[in-house]
Amino acid sequence: MFFVLPAYFILNPQLIALATERGIADYAVMGVMMAGPFSATGRLLITWSSDRIGRTHALFLIIFMNVARILMMIFANGMMFLVCVAIISLAFGGASGTYAAVTAGHFGTENMGARTMAL
């Protein structure tokens, strides 16, 4: 989670300001509108693929997608800006959907939602 989620949580509130600084304010509105559907698609698509390729491979895919798009975001302008926002949102949704299964796999389903302290 530490390596995957900051890309989305840092980009999302700054999206309009970042696009305005680059002179592509028209793309900023489209980027904000795209973030939600791509996040939802990532929750379905990446979790489905994690069942096929394995959860560890899916997490590495998510990390690679984020690293590549954050580095590309440094120079992105125009449509490439929207592609970067879409892929980062897709990876965020995939991470959100995959981590519950990864946690269950490592710690067991009997510990999911269990209290850690006795009252």
PDB file of N, CA and C in Angstrom:
ATOM      1  N   MET A   1       0.830  -1.193   0.000  1.00  0.00           N
ATOM      2  CA  MET A   1       0.000   0.000   0.000  1.00  0.00           C
ATOM      3  C   MET A   1       0.874   1.255   0.000  1.00  0.00           C
ATOM      4  N   PHE A   2       2.017   1.164   0.689  1.00  0.00           N
ATOM      5  CA  PHE A   2       2.896   2.321   0.813  1.00  0.00           C
ATOM      6  C   PHE A   2       3.423   2.771  -0.547  1.00  0.00           C
ATOM      7  N   PHE A   3       3.669   1.836  -1.455  1.00  0.00           N
ATOM      8  CA  PHE A   3       4.235   2.183  -2.749  1.00  0.00           C
ATOM      9  C   PHE A   3       3.189   2.439  -3.825  1.00  0.00           C
ATOM     10  N   VAL A   4       1.981   2.024  -3.595  1.00  0.00           N
ATOM     11  CA  VAL A   4       0.967   2.092  -4.640  1.00  0.00           C
ATOM     12  C   VAL A   4       0.048   3.300  -4.487  1.00  0.00           C
ATOM     13  N   LEU A   5      -0.468   3.528  -3.320  1.00  0.00           N
ATOM     14  CA  LEU A   5      -1.518   4.527  -3.139  1.00  0.00           C
ATOM     15  C   LEU A   5      -1.071   5.991  -3.164  1.00  0.00           C
ATOM     16  N   PRO A   6       0.159   6.333  -2.751  1.00  0.00           N
ATOM     17  CA  PRO A   6       0.518   7.761  -2.780  1.00  0.00           C
ATOM     18  C   PRO A   6       0.425   8.402  -4.155  1.00  0.00           C
ATOM     19  N   ALA A   7       0.682   7.656  -5.209  1.00  0.00           N
ATOM     20  CA  ALA A   7       0.589   8.241  -6.552  1.00  0.00           C
ATOM     21  C   ALA A   7      -0.805   8.801  -6.800  1.00  0.00           C
ATOM     22  N   TYR A   8      -1.824   8.063  -6.433  1.00  0.00           N
ATOM     23  CA  TYR A   8      -3.198   8.521  -6.651  1.00  0.00           C
ATOM     24  C   TYR A   8      -3.579   9.618  -5.659  1.00  0.00           C
ATOM     25  N   PHE A   9      -3.235   9.437  -4.402  1.00  0.00           N
ATOM     26  CA  PHE A   9      -3.647  10.395  -3.383  1.00  0.00           C
ATOM     27  C   PHE A   9      -2.919  11.732  -3.488  1.00  0.00           C
ATOM     28  N   ILE A  10      -1.755  11.746  -4.082  1.00  0.00           N
ATOM     29  CA  ILE A  10      -1.052  13.013  -4.318  1.00  0.00           C
ATOM     30  C   ILE A  10      -1.554  13.661  -5.598  1.00  0.00           C
ATOM     31  N   LEU A  11      -1.784  12.858  -6.621  1.00  0.00           N
ATOM     32  CA  LEU A  11      -2.209  13.401  -7.912  1.00  0.00           C
ATOM     33  C   LEU A  11      -3.642  13.927  -7.884  1.00  0.00           C
ATOM     34  N   ASN A  12      -4.548  13.207  -7.271  1.00  0.00           N
ATOM     35  CA  ASN A  12      -5.969  13.523  -7.337  1.00  0.00           C
ATOM     36  C   ASN A  12      -6.302  14.953  -6.878  1.00  0.00           C
ATOM     37  N   PRO A  13      -5.848  15.409  -5.707  1.00  0.00           N
ATOM     38  CA  PRO A  13      -6.205  16.782  -5.322  1.00  0.00           C
ATOM     39  C   PRO A  13      -5.490  17.857  -6.140  1.00  0.00           C
ATOM     40  N   GLN A  14      -4.362  17.507  -6.740  1.00  0.00           N
ATOM     41  CA  GLN A  14      -3.566  18.489  -7.482  1.00  0.00           C
ATOM     42  C   GLN A  14      -3.790  18.437  -8.984  1.00  0.00           C
ATOM     43  N   LEU A  15      -4.713  17.637  -9.443  1.00  0.00           N
ATOM     44  CA  LEU A  15      -4.886  17.399 -10.867  1.00  0.00           C
ATOM     45  C   LEU A  15      -5.202  18.674 -11.639  1.00  0.00           C
ATOM     46  N   ILE A  16      -6.140  19.445 -11.180  1.00  0.00           N
ATOM     47  CA  ILE A  16      -6.532  20.663 -11.904  1.00  0.00           C
ATOM     48  C   ILE A  16      -5.413  21.706 -11.870  1.00  0.00           C
ATOM     49  N   ALA A  17      -4.783  21.856 -10.714  1.00  0.00           N
ATOM     50  CA  ALA A  17      -3.679  22.820 -10.621  1.00  0.00           C
ATOM     51  C   ALA A  17      -2.511  22.409 -11.514  1.00  0.00           C
ATOM     52  N   LEU A  18      -2.211  21.137 -11.559  1.00  0.00           N
ATOM     53  CA  LEU A  18      -1.110  20.649 -12.382  1.00  0.00           C
ATOM     54  C   LEU A  18      -1.399  20.870 -13.866  1.00  0.00           C
ATOM     55  N   ALA A  19      -2.605  20.581 -14.290  1.00  0.00           N
ATOM     56  CA  ALA A  19      -2.963  20.779 -15.697  1.00  0.00           C
ATOM     57  C   ALA A  19      -2.992  22.259 -16.055  1.00  0.00           C
ATOM     58  N   THR A  20      -3.452  23.098 -15.138  1.00  0.00           N
ATOM     59  CA  THR A  20      -3.487  24.531 -15.409  1.00  0.00           C
ATOM     60  C   THR A  20      -2.084  25.101 -15.545  1.00  0.00           C
ATOM     61  N   GLU A  21      -1.159  24.642 -14.706  1.00  0.00           N
ATOM     62  CA  GLU A  21       0.239  25.086 -14.812  1.00  0.00           C
ATOM     63  C   GLU A  21       0.842  24.724 -16.160  1.00  0.00           C
ATOM     64  N   ARG A  22       0.450  23.605 -16.708  1.00  0.00           N
ATOM     65  CA  ARG A  22       0.989  23.149 -17.994  1.00  0.00           C
ATOM     66  C   ARG A  22       0.235  23.738 -19.179  1.00  0.00           C
ATOM     67  N   GLY A  23      -0.814  24.505 -18.912  1.00  0.00           N
ATOM     68  CA  GLY A  23      -1.574  25.125 -19.985  1.00  0.00           C
ATOM     69  C   GLY A  23      -2.570  24.205 -20.656  1.00  0.00           C
ATOM     70  N   ILE A  24      -2.963  23.151 -19.971  1.00  0.00           N
ATOM     71  CA  ILE A  24      -3.922  22.199 -20.539  1.00  0.00           C
ATOM     72  C   ILE A  24      -5.123  22.067 -19.609  1.00  0.00           C
ATOM     73  N   ALA A  25      -5.677  23.185 -19.210  1.00  0.00           N
ATOM     74  CA  ALA A  25      -6.793  23.186 -18.261  1.00  0.00           C
ATOM     75  C   ALA A  25      -8.002  22.432 -18.799  1.00  0.00           C
ATOM     76  N   ASP A  26      -8.179  22.401 -20.123  1.00  0.00           N
ATOM     77  CA  ASP A  26      -9.304  21.650 -20.701  1.00  0.00           C
ATOM     78  C   ASP A  26      -9.178  20.153 -20.407  1.00  0.00           C
ATOM     79  N   TYR A  27      -7.960  19.666 -20.378  1.00  0.00           N
ATOM     80  CA  TYR A  27      -7.738  18.249 -20.096  1.00  0.00           C
ATOM     81  C   TYR A  27      -7.941  17.922 -18.618  1.00  0.00           C
ATOM     82  N   ALA A  28      -7.827  18.925 -17.758  1.00  0.00           N
ATOM     83  CA  ALA A  28      -7.966  18.681 -16.319  1.00  0.00           C
ATOM     84  C   ALA A  28      -9.374  18.206 -15.983  1.00  0.00           C
ATOM     85  N   VAL A  29     -10.365  18.826 -16.565  1.00  0.00           N
ATOM     86  CA  VAL A  29     -11.748  18.439 -16.301  1.00  0.00           C
ATOM     87  C   VAL A  29     -11.986  17.011 -16.782  1.00  0.00           C
ATOM     88  N   MET A  30     -11.462  16.687 -17.942  1.00  0.00           N
ATOM     89  CA  MET A  30     -11.602  15.325 -18.463  1.00  0.00           C
ATOM     90  C   MET A  30     -10.863  14.336 -17.560  1.00  0.00           C
ATOM     91  N   GLY A  31      -9.698  14.727 -17.037  1.00  0.00           N
ATOM     92  CA  GLY A  31      -8.945  13.859 -16.134  1.00  0.00           C
ATOM     93  C   GLY A  31      -9.700  13.561 -14.854  1.00  0.00           C
ATOM     94  N   VAL A  32     -10.356  14.560 -14.307  1.00  0.00           N
ATOM     95  CA  VAL A  32     -11.154  14.359 -13.095  1.00  0.00           C
ATOM     96  C   VAL A  32     -12.329  13.435 -13.386  1.00  0.00           C
ATOM     97  N   MET A  33     -12.949  13.602 -14.538  1.00  0.00           N
ATOM     98  CA  MET A  33     -14.085  12.761 -14.899  1.00  0.00           C
ATOM     99  C   MET A  33     -13.652  11.318 -15.171  1.00  0.00           C
ATOM    100  N   MET A  34     -12.450  11.115 -15.659  1.00  0.00           N
ATOM    101  CA  MET A  34     -11.962   9.777 -15.985  1.00  0.00           C
ATOM    102  C   MET A  34     -11.509   8.995 -14.765  1.00  0.00           C
ATOM    103  N   ALA A  35     -11.102   9.681 -13.712  1.00  0.00           N
ATOM    104  CA  ALA A  35     -10.500   9.010 -12.559  1.00  0.00           C
ATOM    105  C   ALA A  35     -11.460   7.995 -11.924  1.00  0.00           C
ATOM    106  N   GLY A  36     -12.705   8.337 -11.771  1.00  0.00           N
ATOM    107  CA  GLY A  36     -13.673   7.439 -11.144  1.00  0.00           C
ATOM    108  C   GLY A  36     -13.933   6.166 -11.930  1.00  0.00           C
ATOM    109  N   PRO A  37     -14.300   6.273 -13.214  1.00  0.00           N
ATOM    110  CA  PRO A  37     -14.541   5.051 -13.984  1.00  0.00           C
ATOM    111  C   PRO A  37     -13.304   4.156 -14.124  1.00  0.00           C
ATOM    112  N   PHE A  38     -12.129   4.764 -14.254  1.00  0.00           N
ATOM    113  CA  PHE A  38     -10.927   3.939 -14.371  1.00  0.00           C
ATOM    114  C   PHE A  38     -10.580   3.275 -13.045  1.00  0.00           C
ATOM    115  N   SER A  39     -10.855   3.941 -11.951  1.00  0.00           N
ATOM    116  CA  SER A  39     -10.649   3.313 -10.647  1.00  0.00           C
ATOM    117  C   SER A  39     -11.584   2.121 -10.473  1.00  0.00           C
ATOM    118  N   ALA A  40     -12.826   2.278 -10.858  1.00  0.00           N
ATOM    119  CA  ALA A  40     -13.789   1.179 -10.769  1.00  0.00           C
ATOM    120  C   ALA A  40     -13.402   0.031 -11.706  1.00  0.00           C
ATOM    121  N   THR A  41     -12.926   0.359 -12.885  1.00  0.00           N
ATOM    122  CA  THR A  41     -12.478  -0.665 -13.829  1.00  0.00           C
ATOM    123  C   THR A  41     -11.282  -1.426 -13.273  1.00  0.00           C
ATOM    124  N   GLY A  42     -10.375  -0.720 -12.606  1.00  0.00           N
ATOM    125  CA  GLY A  42      -9.216  -1.374 -12.001  1.00  0.00           C
ATOM    126  C   GLY A  42      -9.618  -2.343 -10.913  1.00  0.00           C
ATOM    127  N   ARG A  43     -10.639  -1.981 -10.151  1.00  0.00           N
ATOM    128  CA  ARG A  43     -11.117  -2.889  -9.096  1.00  0.00           C
ATOM    129  C   ARG A  43     -11.624  -4.203  -9.685  1.00  0.00           C
ATOM    130  N   LEU A  44     -12.211  -4.148 -10.850  1.00  0.00           N
ATOM    131  CA  LEU A  44     -12.715  -5.362 -11.489  1.00  0.00           C
ATOM    132  C   LEU A  44     -11.641  -6.070 -12.314  1.00  0.00           C
ATOM    133  N   LEU A  45     -10.951  -5.330 -13.161  1.00  0.00           N
ATOM    134  CA  LEU A  45     -10.017  -5.918 -14.110  1.00  0.00           C
ATOM    135  C   LEU A  45      -8.766  -6.488 -13.435  1.00  0.00           C
ATOM    136  N   ILE A  46      -8.168  -5.729 -12.552  1.00  0.00           N
ATOM    137  CA  ILE A  46      -6.922  -6.184 -11.934  1.00  0.00           C
ATOM    138  C   ILE A  46      -7.187  -7.290 -10.916  1.00  0.00           C
ATOM    139  N   THR A  47      -8.290  -7.210 -10.186  1.00  0.00           N
ATOM    140  CA  THR A  47      -8.593  -8.306  -9.265  1.00  0.00           C
ATOM    141  C   THR A  47      -8.937  -9.582 -10.033  1.00  0.00           C
ATOM    142  N   TRP A  48      -9.606  -9.455 -11.174  1.00  0.00           N
ATOM    143  CA  TRP A  48      -9.867 -10.622 -12.005  1.00  0.00           C
ATOM    144  C   TRP A  48      -8.563 -11.215 -12.519  1.00  0.00           C
ATOM    145  N   SER A  49      -7.649 -10.345 -12.986  1.00  0.00           N
ATOM    146  CA  SER A  49      -6.378 -10.859 -13.491  1.00  0.00           C
ATOM    147  C   SER A  49      -5.500 -11.404 -12.370  1.00  0.00           C
ATOM    148  N   SER A  50      -5.649 -10.902 -11.150  1.00  0.00           N
ATOM    149  CA  SER A  50      -4.846 -11.424 -10.041  1.00  0.00           C
ATOM    150  C   SER A  50      -5.231 -12.864  -9.718  1.00  0.00           C
ATOM    151  N   ASP A  51      -6.466 -13.245  -9.982  1.00  0.00           N
ATOM    152  CA  ASP A  51      -6.868 -14.637  -9.817  1.00  0.00           C
ATOM    153  C   ASP A  51      -6.192 -15.533 -10.851  1.00  0.00           C
ATOM    154  N   ARG A  52      -5.876 -14.991 -12.004  1.00  0.00           N
ATOM    155  CA  ARG A  52      -5.258 -15.771 -13.073  1.00  0.00           C
ATOM    156  C   ARG A  52      -3.736 -15.795 -12.967  1.00  0.00           C
ATOM    157  N   ILE A  53      -3.112 -14.642 -12.697  1.00  0.00           N
ATOM    158  CA  ILE A  53      -1.640 -14.570 -12.717  1.00  0.00           C
ATOM    159  C   ILE A  53      -1.024 -14.655 -11.333  1.00  0.00           C
ATOM    160  N   GLY A  54      -1.824 -14.573 -10.307  1.00  0.00           N
ATOM    161  CA  GLY A  54      -1.319 -14.600  -8.939  1.00  0.00           C
ATOM    162  C   GLY A  54      -1.329 -13.200  -8.340  1.00  0.00           C
ATOM    163  N   ARG A  55      -1.575 -13.141  -7.068  1.00  0.00           N
ATOM    164  CA  ARG A  55      -1.690 -11.833  -6.412  1.00  0.00           C
ATOM    165  C   ARG A  55      -0.366 -11.090  -6.346  1.00  0.00           C
ATOM    166  N   THR A  56       0.716 -11.812  -6.134  1.00  0.00           N
ATOM    167  CA  THR A  56       2.026 -11.160  -6.076  1.00  0.00           C
ATOM    168  C   THR A  56       2.375 -10.551  -7.421  1.00  0.00           C
ATOM    169  N   HIS A  57       2.129 -11.271  -8.505  1.00  0.00           N
ATOM    170  CA  HIS A  57       2.391 -10.722  -9.829  1.00  0.00           C
ATOM    171  C   HIS A  57       1.495  -9.525 -10.118  1.00  0.00           C
ATOM    172  N   ALA A  58       0.265  -9.583  -9.664  1.00  0.00           N
ATOM    173  CA  ALA A  58      -0.649  -8.455  -9.866  1.00  0.00           C
ATOM    174  C   ALA A  58      -0.162  -7.225  -9.111  1.00  0.00           C
ATOM    175  N   LEU A  59       0.341  -7.417  -7.896  1.00  0.00           N
ATOM    176  CA  LEU A  59       0.856  -6.275  -7.139  1.00  0.00           C
ATOM    177  C   LEU A  59       2.085  -5.672  -7.807  1.00  0.00           C
ATOM    178  N   PHE A  60       2.967  -6.524  -8.340  1.00  0.00           N
ATOM    179  CA  PHE A  60       4.121  -5.999  -9.063  1.00  0.00           C
ATOM    180  C   PHE A  60       3.694  -5.272 -10.332  1.00  0.00           C
ATOM    181  N   LEU A  61       2.648  -5.760 -10.988  1.00  0.00           N
ATOM    182  CA  LEU A  61       2.108  -5.069 -12.157  1.00  0.00           C
ATOM    183  C   LEU A  61       1.579  -3.688 -11.770  1.00  0.00           C
ATOM    184  N   ILE A  62       0.877  -3.617 -10.660  1.00  0.00           N
ATOM    185  CA  ILE A  62       0.345  -2.340 -10.184  1.00  0.00           C
ATOM    186  C   ILE A  62       1.480  -1.371  -9.858  1.00  0.00           C
ATOM    187  N   ILE A  63       2.501  -1.864  -9.177  1.00  0.00           N
ATOM    188  CA  ILE A  63       3.640  -1.004  -8.830  1.00  0.00           C
ATOM    189  C   ILE A  63       4.338  -0.527 -10.098  1.00  0.00           C
ATOM    190  N   PHE A  64       4.541  -1.421 -11.066  1.00  0.00           N
ATOM    191  CA  PHE A  64       5.174  -1.025 -12.324  1.00  0.00           C
ATOM    192  C   PHE A  64       4.342   0.022 -13.061  1.00  0.00           C
ATOM    193  N   MET A  65       3.020  -0.164 -13.095  1.00  0.00           N
ATOM    194  CA  MET A  65       2.153   0.808 -13.754  1.00  0.00           C
ATOM    195  C   MET A  65       2.296   2.178 -13.107  1.00  0.00           C
ATOM    196  N   ASN A  66       2.345   2.218 -11.787  1.00  0.00           N
ATOM    197  CA  ASN A  66       2.471   3.497 -11.088  1.00  0.00           C
ATOM    198  C   ASN A  66       3.815   4.151 -11.335  1.00  0.00           C
ATOM    199  N   VAL A  67       4.884   3.384 -11.221  1.00  0.00           N
ATOM    200  CA  VAL A  67       6.225   3.958 -11.419  1.00  0.00           C
ATOM    201  C   VAL A  67       6.363   4.506 -12.831  1.00  0.00           C
ATOM    202  N   ALA A  68       5.929   3.735 -13.818  1.00  0.00           N
ATOM    203  CA  ALA A  68       6.049   4.176 -15.207  1.00  0.00           C
ATOM    204  C   ALA A  68       5.234   5.445 -15.468  1.00  0.00           C
ATOM    205  N   ARG A  69       4.033   5.499 -14.939  1.00  0.00           N
ATOM    206  CA  ARG A  69       3.179   6.667 -15.207  1.00  0.00           C
ATOM    207  C   ARG A  69       3.600   7.897 -14.404  1.00  0.00           C
ATOM    208  N   ILE A  70       4.103   7.711 -13.213  1.00  0.00           N
ATOM    209  CA  ILE A  70       4.578   8.872 -12.456  1.00  0.00           C
ATOM    210  C   ILE A  70       5.794   9.482 -13.136  1.00  0.00           C
ATOM    211  N   LEU A  71       6.694   8.627 -13.615  1.00  0.00           N
ATOM    212  CA  LEU A  71       7.851   9.163 -14.344  1.00  0.00           C
ATOM    213  C   LEU A  71       7.425   9.822 -15.651  1.00  0.00           C
ATOM    214  N   MET A  72       6.444   9.245 -16.325  1.00  0.00           N
ATOM    215  CA  MET A  72       5.943   9.832 -17.560  1.00  0.00           C
ATOM    216  C   MET A  72       5.169  11.117 -17.287  1.00  0.00           C
ATOM    217  N   MET A  73       4.536  11.207 -16.129  1.00  0.00           N
ATOM    218  CA  MET A  73       3.747  12.394 -15.776  1.00  0.00           C
ATOM    219  C   MET A  73       4.631  13.641 -15.674  1.00  0.00           C
ATOM    220  N   ILE A  74       5.908  13.450 -15.424  1.00  0.00           N
ATOM    221  CA  ILE A  74       6.822  14.594 -15.338  1.00  0.00           C
ATOM    222  C   ILE A  74       6.817  15.381 -16.646  1.00  0.00           C
ATOM    223  N   PHE A  75       6.749  14.661 -17.767  1.00  0.00           N
ATOM    224  CA  PHE A  75       6.839  15.306 -19.073  1.00  0.00           C
ATOM    225  C   PHE A  75       5.530  15.286 -19.851  1.00  0.00           C
ATOM    226  N   ALA A  76       4.491  14.680 -19.294  1.00  0.00           N
ATOM    227  CA  ALA A  76       3.241  14.491 -20.034  1.00  0.00           C
ATOM    228  C   ALA A  76       2.537  15.813 -20.303  1.00  0.00           C
ATOM    229  N   ASN A  77       2.005  15.902 -21.502  1.00  0.00           N
ATOM    230  CA  ASN A  77       1.252  17.069 -21.919  1.00  0.00           C
ATOM    231  C   ASN A  77       0.156  16.599 -22.868  1.00  0.00           C
ATOM    232  N   GLY A  78      -0.979  17.213 -22.830  1.00  0.00           N
ATOM    233  CA  GLY A  78      -2.064  16.857 -23.741  1.00  0.00           C
ATOM    234  C   GLY A  78      -2.680  15.512 -23.414  1.00  0.00           C
ATOM    235  N   MET A  79      -2.850  14.693 -24.447  1.00  0.00           N
ATOM    236  CA  MET A  79      -3.486  13.396 -24.274  1.00  0.00           C
ATOM    237  C   MET A  79      -2.664  12.458 -23.398  1.00  0.00           C
ATOM    238  N   MET A  80      -1.350  12.584 -23.423  1.00  0.00           N
ATOM    239  CA  MET A  80      -0.514  11.731 -22.587  1.00  0.00           C
ATOM    240  C   MET A  80      -0.781  12.002 -21.105  1.00  0.00           C
ATOM    241  N   PHE A  81      -1.142  13.225 -20.778  1.00  0.00           N
ATOM    242  CA  PHE A  81      -1.539  13.573 -19.419  1.00  0.00           C
ATOM    243  C   PHE A  81      -2.763  12.754 -19.003  1.00  0.00           C
ATOM    244  N   LEU A  82      -3.744  12.656 -19.895  1.00  0.00           N
ATOM    245  CA  LEU A  82      -4.953  11.883 -19.606  1.00  0.00           C
ATOM    246  C   LEU A  82      -4.655  10.387 -19.501  1.00  0.00           C
ATOM    247  N   VAL A  83      -3.756   9.892 -20.334  1.00  0.00           N
ATOM    248  CA  VAL A  83      -3.377   8.482 -20.261  1.00  0.00           C
ATOM    249  C   VAL A  83      -2.727   8.184 -18.916  1.00  0.00           C
ATOM    250  N   CYS A  84      -1.856   9.072 -18.458  1.00  0.00           N
ATOM    251  CA  CYS A  84      -1.201   8.882 -17.163  1.00  0.00           C
ATOM    252  C   CYS A  84      -2.214   8.888 -16.021  1.00  0.00           C
ATOM    253  N   VAL A  85      -3.147   9.819 -16.052  1.00  0.00           N
ATOM    254  CA  VAL A  85      -4.185   9.876 -15.020  1.00  0.00           C
ATOM    255  C   VAL A  85      -5.025   8.602 -15.051  1.00  0.00           C
ATOM    256  N   ALA A  86      -5.358   8.123 -16.237  1.00  0.00           N
ATOM    257  CA  ALA A  86      -6.179   6.918 -16.365  1.00  0.00           C
ATOM    258  C   ALA A  86      -5.456   5.693 -15.808  1.00  0.00           C
ATOM    259  N   ILE A  87      -4.185   5.527 -16.126  1.00  0.00           N
ATOM    260  CA  ILE A  87      -3.444   4.352 -15.668  1.00  0.00           C
ATOM    261  C   ILE A  87      -3.215   4.412 -14.161  1.00  0.00           C
ATOM    262  N   ILE A  88      -2.922   5.595 -13.637  1.00  0.00           N
ATOM    263  CA  ILE A  88      -2.738   5.733 -12.186  1.00  0.00           C
ATOM    264  C   ILE A  88      -4.047   5.429 -11.457  1.00  0.00           C
ATOM    265  N   SER A  89      -5.172   5.871 -11.995  1.00  0.00           N
ATOM    266  CA  SER A  89      -6.473   5.570 -11.392  1.00  0.00           C
ATOM    267  C   SER A  89      -6.797   4.084 -11.491  1.00  0.00           C
ATOM    268  N   LEU A  90      -6.461   3.469 -12.607  1.00  0.00           N
ATOM    269  CA  LEU A  90      -6.667   2.037 -12.789  1.00  0.00           C
ATOM    270  C   LEU A  90      -5.850   1.245 -11.765  1.00  0.00           C
ATOM    271  N   ALA A  91      -4.599   1.648 -11.561  1.00  0.00           N
ATOM    272  CA  ALA A  91      -3.744   0.971 -10.587  1.00  0.00           C
ATOM    273  C   ALA A  91      -4.259   1.160  -9.160  1.00  0.00           C
ATOM    274  N   PHE A  92      -4.773   2.343  -8.857  1.00  0.00           N
ATOM    275  CA  PHE A  92      -5.337   2.585  -7.533  1.00  0.00           C
ATOM    276  C   PHE A  92      -6.529   1.670  -7.261  1.00  0.00           C
ATOM    277  N   GLY A  93      -7.413   1.567  -8.224  1.00  0.00           N
ATOM    278  CA  GLY A  93      -8.564   0.683  -8.071  1.00  0.00           C
ATOM    279  C   GLY A  93      -8.150  -0.769  -7.936  1.00  0.00           C
ATOM    280  N   GLY A  94      -7.163  -1.178  -8.708  1.00  0.00           N
ATOM    281  CA  GLY A  94      -6.666  -2.541  -8.613  1.00  0.00           C
ATOM    282  C   GLY A  94      -6.046  -2.843  -7.270  1.00  0.00           C
ATOM    283  N   ALA A  95      -5.296  -1.877  -6.738  1.00  0.00           N
ATOM    284  CA  ALA A  95      -4.688  -2.067  -5.421  1.00  0.00           C
ATOM    285  C   ALA A  95      -5.756  -2.159  -4.346  1.00  0.00           C
ATOM    286  N   SER A  96      -6.770  -1.330  -4.454  1.00  0.00           N
ATOM    287  CA  SER A  96      -7.845  -1.354  -3.463  1.00  0.00           C
ATOM    288  C   SER A  96      -8.602  -2.675  -3.474  1.00  0.00           C
ATOM    289  N   GLY A  97      -8.757  -3.253  -4.637  1.00  0.00           N
ATOM    290  CA  GLY A  97      -9.464  -4.513  -4.739  1.00  0.00           C
ATOM    291  C   GLY A  97      -8.609  -5.725  -4.418  1.00  0.00           C
ATOM    292  N   THR A  98      -7.317  -5.643  -4.639  1.00  0.00           N
ATOM    293  CA  THR A  98      -6.429  -6.791  -4.479  1.00  0.00           C
ATOM    294  C   THR A  98      -5.926  -6.963  -3.051  1.00  0.00           C
ATOM    295  N   TYR A  99      -5.757  -5.884  -2.330  1.00  0.00           N
ATOM    296  CA  TYR A  99      -5.122  -5.990  -1.021  1.00  0.00           C
ATOM    297  C   TYR A  99      -5.941  -6.768   0.005  1.00  0.00           C
ATOM    298  N   ALA A 100      -7.241  -6.796  -0.106  1.00  0.00           N
ATOM    299  CA  ALA A 100      -8.047  -7.598   0.824  1.00  0.00           C
ATOM    300  C   ALA A 100      -7.742  -9.081   0.639  1.00  0.00           C
ATOM    301  N   ALA A 101      -7.628  -9.509  -0.611  1.00  0.00           N
ATOM    302  CA  ALA A 101      -7.308 -10.913  -0.871  1.00  0.00           C
ATOM    303  C   ALA A 101      -5.883 -11.250  -0.458  1.00  0.00           C
ATOM    304  N   VAL A 102      -4.962 -10.322  -0.647  1.00  0.00           N
ATOM    305  CA  VAL A 102      -3.573 -10.546  -0.227  1.00  0.00           C
ATOM    306  C   VAL A 102      -3.497 -10.668   1.290  1.00  0.00           C
ATOM    307  N   THR A 103      -4.219  -9.819   1.989  1.00  0.00           N
ATOM    308  CA  THR A 103      -4.237  -9.872   3.445  1.00  0.00           C
ATOM    309  C   THR A 103      -4.829 -11.192   3.934  1.00  0.00           C
ATOM    310  N   ALA A 104      -5.901 -11.630   3.316  1.00  0.00           N
ATOM    311  CA  ALA A 104      -6.507 -12.909   3.691  1.00  0.00           C
ATOM    312  C   ALA A 104      -5.566 -14.063   3.402  1.00  0.00           C
ATOM    313  N   GLY A 105      -4.815 -13.960   2.311  1.00  0.00           N
ATOM    314  CA  GLY A 105      -3.880 -15.013   1.973  1.00  0.00           C
ATOM    315  C   GLY A 105      -2.719 -15.114   2.950  1.00  0.00           C
ATOM    316  N   HIS A 106      -2.268 -13.985   3.459  1.00  0.00           N
ATOM    317  CA  HIS A 106      -1.122 -13.991   4.376  1.00  0.00           C
ATOM    318  C   HIS A 106      -1.514 -14.272   5.823  1.00  0.00           C
ATOM    319  N   PHE A 107      -2.656 -13.764   6.256  1.00  0.00           N
ATOM    320  CA  PHE A 107      -3.022 -13.862   7.665  1.00  0.00           C
ATOM    321  C   PHE A 107      -4.213 -14.780   7.928  1.00  0.00           C
ATOM    322  N   GLY A 108      -4.854 -15.272   6.876  1.00  0.00           N
ATOM    323  CA  GLY A 108      -5.981 -16.179   7.034  1.00  0.00           C
ATOM    324  C   GLY A 108      -7.300 -15.433   7.117  1.00  0.00           C
ATOM    325  N   THR A 109      -8.323 -16.068   6.603  1.00  0.00           N
ATOM    326  CA  THR A 109      -9.636 -15.423   6.604  1.00  0.00           C
ATOM    327  C   THR A 109     -10.229 -15.335   7.996  1.00  0.00           C
ATOM    328  N   GLU A 110      -9.758 -16.166   8.923  1.00  0.00           N
ATOM    329  CA  GLU A 110     -10.295 -16.089  10.284  1.00  0.00           C
ATOM    330  C   GLU A 110      -9.895 -14.796  10.986  1.00  0.00           C
ATOM    331  N   ASN A 111      -8.862 -14.124  10.484  1.00  0.00           N
ATOM    332  CA  ASN A 111      -8.416 -12.876  11.098  1.00  0.00           C
ATOM    333  C   ASN A 111      -8.945 -11.630  10.383  1.00  0.00           C
ATOM    334  N   MET A 112      -9.712 -11.814   9.349  1.00  0.00           N
ATOM    335  CA  MET A 112     -10.241 -10.648   8.645  1.00  0.00           C
ATOM    336  C   MET A 112     -11.387 -10.040   9.443  1.00  0.00           C
ATOM    337  N   GLY A 113     -11.250  -8.807   9.809  1.00  0.00           N
ATOM    338  CA  GLY A 113     -12.274  -8.110  10.566  1.00  0.00           C
ATOM    339  C   GLY A 113     -12.287  -8.450  12.040  1.00  0.00           C
ATOM    340  N   ALA A 114     -11.314  -9.235  12.493  1.00  0.00           N
ATOM    341  CA  ALA A 114     -11.268  -9.602  13.910  1.00  0.00           C
ATOM    342  C   ALA A 114     -10.678  -8.459  14.725  1.00  0.00           C
ATOM    343  N   ARG A 115     -11.114  -8.344  15.929  1.00  0.00           N
ATOM    344  CA  ARG A 115     -10.576  -7.318  16.821  1.00  0.00           C
ATOM    345  C   ARG A 115      -9.212  -7.777  17.303  1.00  0.00           C
ATOM    346  N   THR A 116      -8.316  -6.840  17.462  1.00  0.00           N
ATOM    347  CA  THR A 116      -6.968  -7.190  17.899  1.00  0.00           C
ATOM    348  C   THR A 116      -6.810  -7.027  19.395  1.00  0.00           C
ATOM    349  N   MET A 117      -7.736  -6.335  20.037  1.00  0.00           N
ATOM    350  CA  MET A 117      -7.635  -6.110  21.482  1.00  0.00           C
ATOM    351  C   MET A 117      -8.913  -6.610  22.159  1.00  0.00           C
ATOM    352  N   ALA A 118      -8.734  -7.195  23.301  1.00  0.00           N
ATOM    353  CA  ALA A 118      -9.907  -7.599  24.092  1.00  0.00           C
ATOM    354  C   ALA A 118     -10.342  -6.415  24.949  1.00  0.00           C
ATOM    355  N   LEU A 119     -11.614  -6.218  25.051  1.00  0.00           N
ATOM    356  CA  LEU A 119     -12.115  -5.094  25.855  1.00  0.00           C
ATOM    357  C   LEU A 119     -12.314  -5.473  27.269  1.00  0.00           C
TER     358      LEU A 119
END
